[in-house]
Amino acid sequence: MAKELLLTAIVKQEDEGYSVVCPELGVASQGETFEESISNIKEATELYIESAEQLGIMDEVLDQLGITKQDFNKGQMFSKVITASVPIKLAA
């Protein structure tokens, strides 16, 4: 059974298309539509993980995500990196 990792995608509408970033991994992509940008960031993060496995640095990537090797082996693949909206007051 394939393991599944749940990551964050932050999408920003641009003048032409959409930019998207996965903050947990620092991977970015773009697309002409929202759906295409999501598809592209998924592919980019999958390639990032695949490359990490091939380069033998998967333990470092898991550590970056806050996932232990034990969690990984059990299939518990939720990043322990938490995103939150933080209100910042600006001077008038």
N, C-alpha and C. Protein backbone atom coordinates (compact mmCIF):
# COMPACT_ATOMS: atom_id res chain seq x y z
N MET A 1 0.84 -1.19 0.00
CA MET A 1 0.00 0.00 0.00
C MET A 1 0.89 1.25 0.00
N ALA A 2 0.57 2.18 -0.87
CA ALA A 2 1.35 3.41 -0.96
C ALA A 2 1.05 4.31 0.23
N LYS A 3 2.09 4.99 0.69
CA LYS A 3 1.90 5.94 1.78
C LYS A 3 1.48 7.28 1.20
N GLU A 4 0.75 8.05 1.98
CA GLU A 4 0.28 9.35 1.53
C GLU A 4 0.69 10.41 2.53
N LEU A 5 1.23 11.49 2.03
CA LEU A 5 1.69 12.60 2.85
C LEU A 5 0.75 13.77 2.62
N LEU A 6 0.26 14.37 3.69
CA LEU A 6 -0.64 15.51 3.59
C LEU A 6 0.16 16.79 3.84
N LEU A 7 0.27 17.63 2.81
CA LEU A 7 1.03 18.88 2.89
C LEU A 7 0.13 20.07 2.59
N THR A 8 0.64 21.26 2.83
CA THR A 8 -0.08 22.50 2.60
C THR A 8 0.28 23.07 1.23
N ALA A 9 -0.71 23.62 0.55
CA ALA A 9 -0.48 24.36 -0.70
C ALA A 9 -1.08 25.75 -0.53
N ILE A 10 -0.25 26.77 -0.68
CA ILE A 10 -0.72 28.15 -0.61
C ILE A 10 -0.76 28.69 -2.03
N VAL A 11 -1.94 29.05 -2.48
CA VAL A 11 -2.15 29.48 -3.85
C VAL A 11 -2.43 30.98 -3.87
N LYS A 12 -1.78 31.67 -4.80
CA LYS A 12 -1.98 33.11 -4.96
C LYS A 12 -2.36 33.40 -6.41
N GLN A 13 -3.48 34.10 -6.59
CA GLN A 13 -3.88 34.49 -7.93
C GLN A 13 -2.99 35.63 -8.40
N GLU A 14 -2.42 35.47 -9.57
CA GLU A 14 -1.55 36.49 -10.16
C GLU A 14 -2.29 37.16 -11.31
N ASP A 15 -1.66 38.16 -11.95
CA ASP A 15 -2.28 38.81 -13.10
C ASP A 15 -2.63 37.79 -14.19
N GLU A 16 -1.71 36.84 -14.39
CA GLU A 16 -1.93 35.78 -15.37
C GLU A 16 -1.66 34.45 -14.71
N GLY A 17 -2.70 33.78 -14.25
CA GLY A 17 -2.54 32.47 -13.66
C GLY A 17 -2.42 32.49 -12.15
N TYR A 18 -1.83 31.43 -11.62
CA TYR A 18 -1.72 31.23 -10.17
C TYR A 18 -0.33 30.75 -9.82
N SER A 19 0.22 31.27 -8.73
CA SER A 19 1.45 30.74 -8.17
C SER A 19 1.08 29.94 -6.94
N VAL A 20 1.88 28.93 -6.63
CA VAL A 20 1.57 28.05 -5.50
C VAL A 20 2.87 27.60 -4.85
N VAL A 21 2.84 27.51 -3.52
CA VAL A 21 4.01 27.07 -2.78
C VAL A 21 3.60 26.06 -1.72
N CYS A 22 4.48 25.10 -1.49
CA CYS A 22 4.33 24.16 -0.38
C CYS A 22 5.32 24.62 0.68
N PRO A 23 4.86 25.32 1.73
CA PRO A 23 5.79 25.92 2.69
C PRO A 23 6.60 24.91 3.50
N GLU A 24 6.05 23.71 3.72
CA GLU A 24 6.78 22.71 4.50
C GLU A 24 8.07 22.28 3.81
N LEU A 25 8.05 22.24 2.47
CA LEU A 25 9.22 21.79 1.71
C LEU A 25 9.93 22.91 0.96
N GLY A 26 9.31 24.07 0.88
CA GLY A 26 9.90 25.16 0.11
C GLY A 26 9.86 24.91 -1.39
N VAL A 27 8.86 24.16 -1.84
CA VAL A 27 8.68 23.83 -3.25
C VAL A 27 7.63 24.77 -3.82
N ALA A 28 7.88 25.30 -5.02
CA ALA A 28 6.94 26.23 -5.65
C ALA A 28 6.63 25.79 -7.07
N SER A 29 5.49 26.24 -7.58
CA SER A 29 5.09 25.97 -8.95
C SER A 29 4.09 27.03 -9.37
N GLN A 30 3.44 26.80 -10.51
CA GLN A 30 2.43 27.74 -10.99
C GLN A 30 1.52 27.02 -11.97
N GLY A 31 0.48 27.71 -12.39
CA GLY A 31 -0.44 27.16 -13.38
C GLY A 31 -1.33 28.25 -13.93
N GLU A 32 -1.90 27.98 -15.09
CA GLU A 32 -2.80 28.97 -15.69
C GLU A 32 -4.14 29.02 -14.96
N THR A 33 -4.56 27.89 -14.37
CA THR A 33 -5.80 27.84 -13.61
C THR A 33 -5.48 27.38 -12.19
N PHE A 34 -6.43 27.55 -11.28
CA PHE A 34 -6.27 27.08 -9.91
C PHE A 34 -6.01 25.58 -9.90
N GLU A 35 -6.83 24.84 -10.65
CA GLU A 35 -6.70 23.39 -10.69
C GLU A 35 -5.34 22.96 -11.23
N GLU A 36 -4.88 23.65 -12.28
CA GLU A 36 -3.57 23.31 -12.86
C GLU A 36 -2.45 23.61 -11.86
N SER A 37 -2.57 24.70 -11.11
CA SER A 37 -1.53 25.02 -10.12
C SER A 37 -1.48 23.95 -9.03
N ILE A 38 -2.62 23.44 -8.59
CA ILE A 38 -2.66 22.37 -7.59
C ILE A 38 -2.04 21.09 -8.16
N SER A 39 -2.38 20.76 -9.38
CA SER A 39 -1.81 19.58 -10.03
C SER A 39 -0.29 19.72 -10.15
N ASN A 40 0.17 20.92 -10.50
CA ASN A 40 1.61 21.15 -10.68
C ASN A 40 2.38 21.10 -9.36
N ILE A 41 1.79 21.63 -8.27
CA ILE A 41 2.51 21.58 -6.99
C ILE A 41 2.53 20.14 -6.48
N LYS A 42 1.49 19.39 -6.75
CA LYS A 42 1.49 17.97 -6.37
C LYS A 42 2.62 17.24 -7.08
N GLU A 43 2.74 17.46 -8.38
CA GLU A 43 3.81 16.82 -9.14
C GLU A 43 5.19 17.27 -8.66
N ALA A 44 5.34 18.57 -8.38
CA ALA A 44 6.63 19.10 -7.93
C ALA A 44 7.04 18.52 -6.58
N THR A 45 6.08 18.40 -5.65
CA THR A 45 6.41 17.85 -4.34
C THR A 45 6.70 16.35 -4.43
N GLU A 46 5.97 15.65 -5.29
CA GLU A 46 6.25 14.22 -5.49
C GLU A 46 7.66 14.02 -6.05
N LEU A 47 8.06 14.86 -6.99
CA LEU A 47 9.42 14.78 -7.55
C LEU A 47 10.46 15.13 -6.50
N TYR A 48 10.15 16.09 -5.65
CA TYR A 48 11.06 16.47 -4.56
C TYR A 48 11.29 15.29 -3.62
N ILE A 49 10.20 14.63 -3.22
CA ILE A 49 10.28 13.48 -2.32
C ILE A 49 11.03 12.33 -3.00
N GLU A 50 10.72 12.07 -4.27
CA GLU A 50 11.39 11.01 -5.01
C GLU A 50 12.89 11.28 -5.10
N SER A 51 13.26 12.52 -5.36
CA SER A 51 14.67 12.89 -5.42
C SER A 51 15.35 12.73 -4.07
N ALA A 52 14.64 13.09 -3.00
CA ALA A 52 15.19 12.93 -1.65
C ALA A 52 15.48 11.47 -1.35
N GLU A 53 14.57 10.60 -1.77
CA GLU A 53 14.78 9.16 -1.57
C GLU A 53 15.99 8.69 -2.36
N GLN A 54 16.11 9.12 -3.63
CA GLN A 54 17.23 8.71 -4.48
C GLN A 54 18.56 9.24 -3.96
N LEU A 55 18.56 10.44 -3.39
CA LEU A 55 19.79 11.05 -2.88
C LEU A 55 20.15 10.58 -1.47
N GLY A 56 19.25 9.81 -0.86
CA GLY A 56 19.50 9.30 0.47
C GLY A 56 19.34 10.34 1.57
N ILE A 57 18.52 11.36 1.32
CA ILE A 57 18.31 12.41 2.32
C ILE A 57 16.87 12.45 2.83
N MET A 58 16.18 11.32 2.68
CA MET A 58 14.78 11.26 3.10
C MET A 58 14.64 11.51 4.60
N ASP A 59 15.58 11.03 5.41
CA ASP A 59 15.51 11.27 6.86
C ASP A 59 15.53 12.77 7.16
N GLU A 60 16.33 13.53 6.42
CA GLU A 60 16.39 14.99 6.61
C GLU A 60 15.07 15.64 6.23
N VAL A 61 14.46 15.17 5.15
CA VAL A 61 13.17 15.72 4.72
C VAL A 61 12.10 15.40 5.75
N LEU A 62 12.08 14.16 6.25
CA LEU A 62 11.11 13.80 7.28
C LEU A 62 11.30 14.65 8.52
N ASP A 63 12.55 14.88 8.91
CA ASP A 63 12.84 15.72 10.07
C ASP A 63 12.32 17.14 9.84
N GLN A 64 12.51 17.65 8.63
CA GLN A 64 12.02 18.99 8.26
C GLN A 64 10.50 19.06 8.42
N LEU A 65 9.82 17.95 8.16
CA LEU A 65 8.37 17.89 8.26
C LEU A 65 7.89 17.56 9.66
N GLY A 66 8.81 17.22 10.55
CA GLY A 66 8.42 16.84 11.90
C GLY A 66 7.87 15.43 11.98
N ILE A 67 8.25 14.58 11.03
CA ILE A 67 7.78 13.20 10.98
C ILE A 67 8.95 12.29 11.35
N THR A 68 8.73 11.44 12.34
CA THR A 68 9.78 10.51 12.74
C THR A 68 9.82 9.32 11.78
N LYS A 69 10.94 8.63 11.76
CA LYS A 69 11.07 7.44 10.93
C LYS A 69 10.04 6.39 11.34
N GLN A 70 9.76 6.31 12.65
CA GLN A 70 8.73 5.36 13.14
C GLN A 70 7.36 5.72 12.59
N ASP A 71 7.00 7.02 12.61
CA ASP A 71 5.73 7.47 12.04
C ASP A 71 5.67 7.12 10.56
N PHE A 72 6.77 7.37 9.86
CA PHE A 72 6.86 7.09 8.43
C PHE A 72 6.61 5.61 8.16
N ASN A 73 7.26 4.76 8.92
CA ASN A 73 7.12 3.31 8.73
C ASN A 73 5.72 2.83 9.07
N LYS A 74 5.03 3.51 9.99
CA LYS A 74 3.66 3.16 10.35
C LYS A 74 2.64 3.74 9.36
N GLY A 75 3.10 4.62 8.47
CA GLY A 75 2.20 5.26 7.51
C GLY A 75 1.52 6.48 8.05
N GLN A 76 1.97 6.99 9.22
CA GLN A 76 1.39 8.22 9.79
C GLN A 76 2.12 9.41 9.16
N MET A 77 1.53 9.95 8.11
CA MET A 77 2.23 10.91 7.28
C MET A 77 1.66 12.32 7.33
N PHE A 78 1.20 12.75 8.48
CA PHE A 78 0.74 14.12 8.62
C PHE A 78 1.90 14.96 9.11
N SER A 79 2.23 15.99 8.37
CA SER A 79 3.30 16.88 8.78
C SER A 79 2.94 17.53 10.11
N LYS A 80 3.89 17.64 10.98
CA LYS A 80 3.66 18.29 12.27
C LYS A 80 3.97 19.78 12.19
N VAL A 81 4.24 20.25 10.98
CA VAL A 81 4.39 21.68 10.74
C VAL A 81 2.98 22.24 10.64
N ILE A 82 2.68 23.24 11.43
CA ILE A 82 1.32 23.79 11.48
C ILE A 82 1.32 25.19 10.88
N THR A 83 0.34 25.45 10.04
CA THR A 83 0.17 26.79 9.50
C THR A 83 -0.97 27.47 10.24
N ALA A 84 -0.86 28.76 10.41
CA ALA A 84 -1.90 29.52 11.10
C ALA A 84 -1.97 30.93 10.52
N SER A 85 -3.16 31.47 10.51
CA SER A 85 -3.34 32.88 10.13
C SER A 85 -3.10 33.71 11.38
N VAL A 86 -2.20 34.68 11.27
CA VAL A 86 -1.83 35.51 12.40
C VAL A 86 -2.16 36.97 12.08
N PRO A 87 -3.10 37.58 12.80
CA PRO A 87 -3.42 38.99 12.52
C PRO A 87 -2.30 39.90 13.01
N ILE A 88 -1.88 40.78 12.14
CA ILE A 88 -0.81 41.73 12.46
C ILE A 88 -1.40 43.14 12.36
N LYS A 89 -1.28 43.93 13.43
CA LYS A 89 -1.79 45.29 13.42
C LYS A 89 -0.77 46.20 12.74
N LEU A 90 -1.27 47.05 11.89
CA LEU A 90 -0.44 48.01 11.16
C LEU A 90 -0.75 49.43 11.64
N ALA A 91 0.26 50.23 11.67
CA ALA A 91 0.05 51.64 12.05
C ALA A 91 -0.79 52.31 10.98
N ALA A 92 -1.71 53.14 11.40
CA ALA A 92 -2.61 53.82 10.45
C ALA A 92 -1.91 54.85 9.64
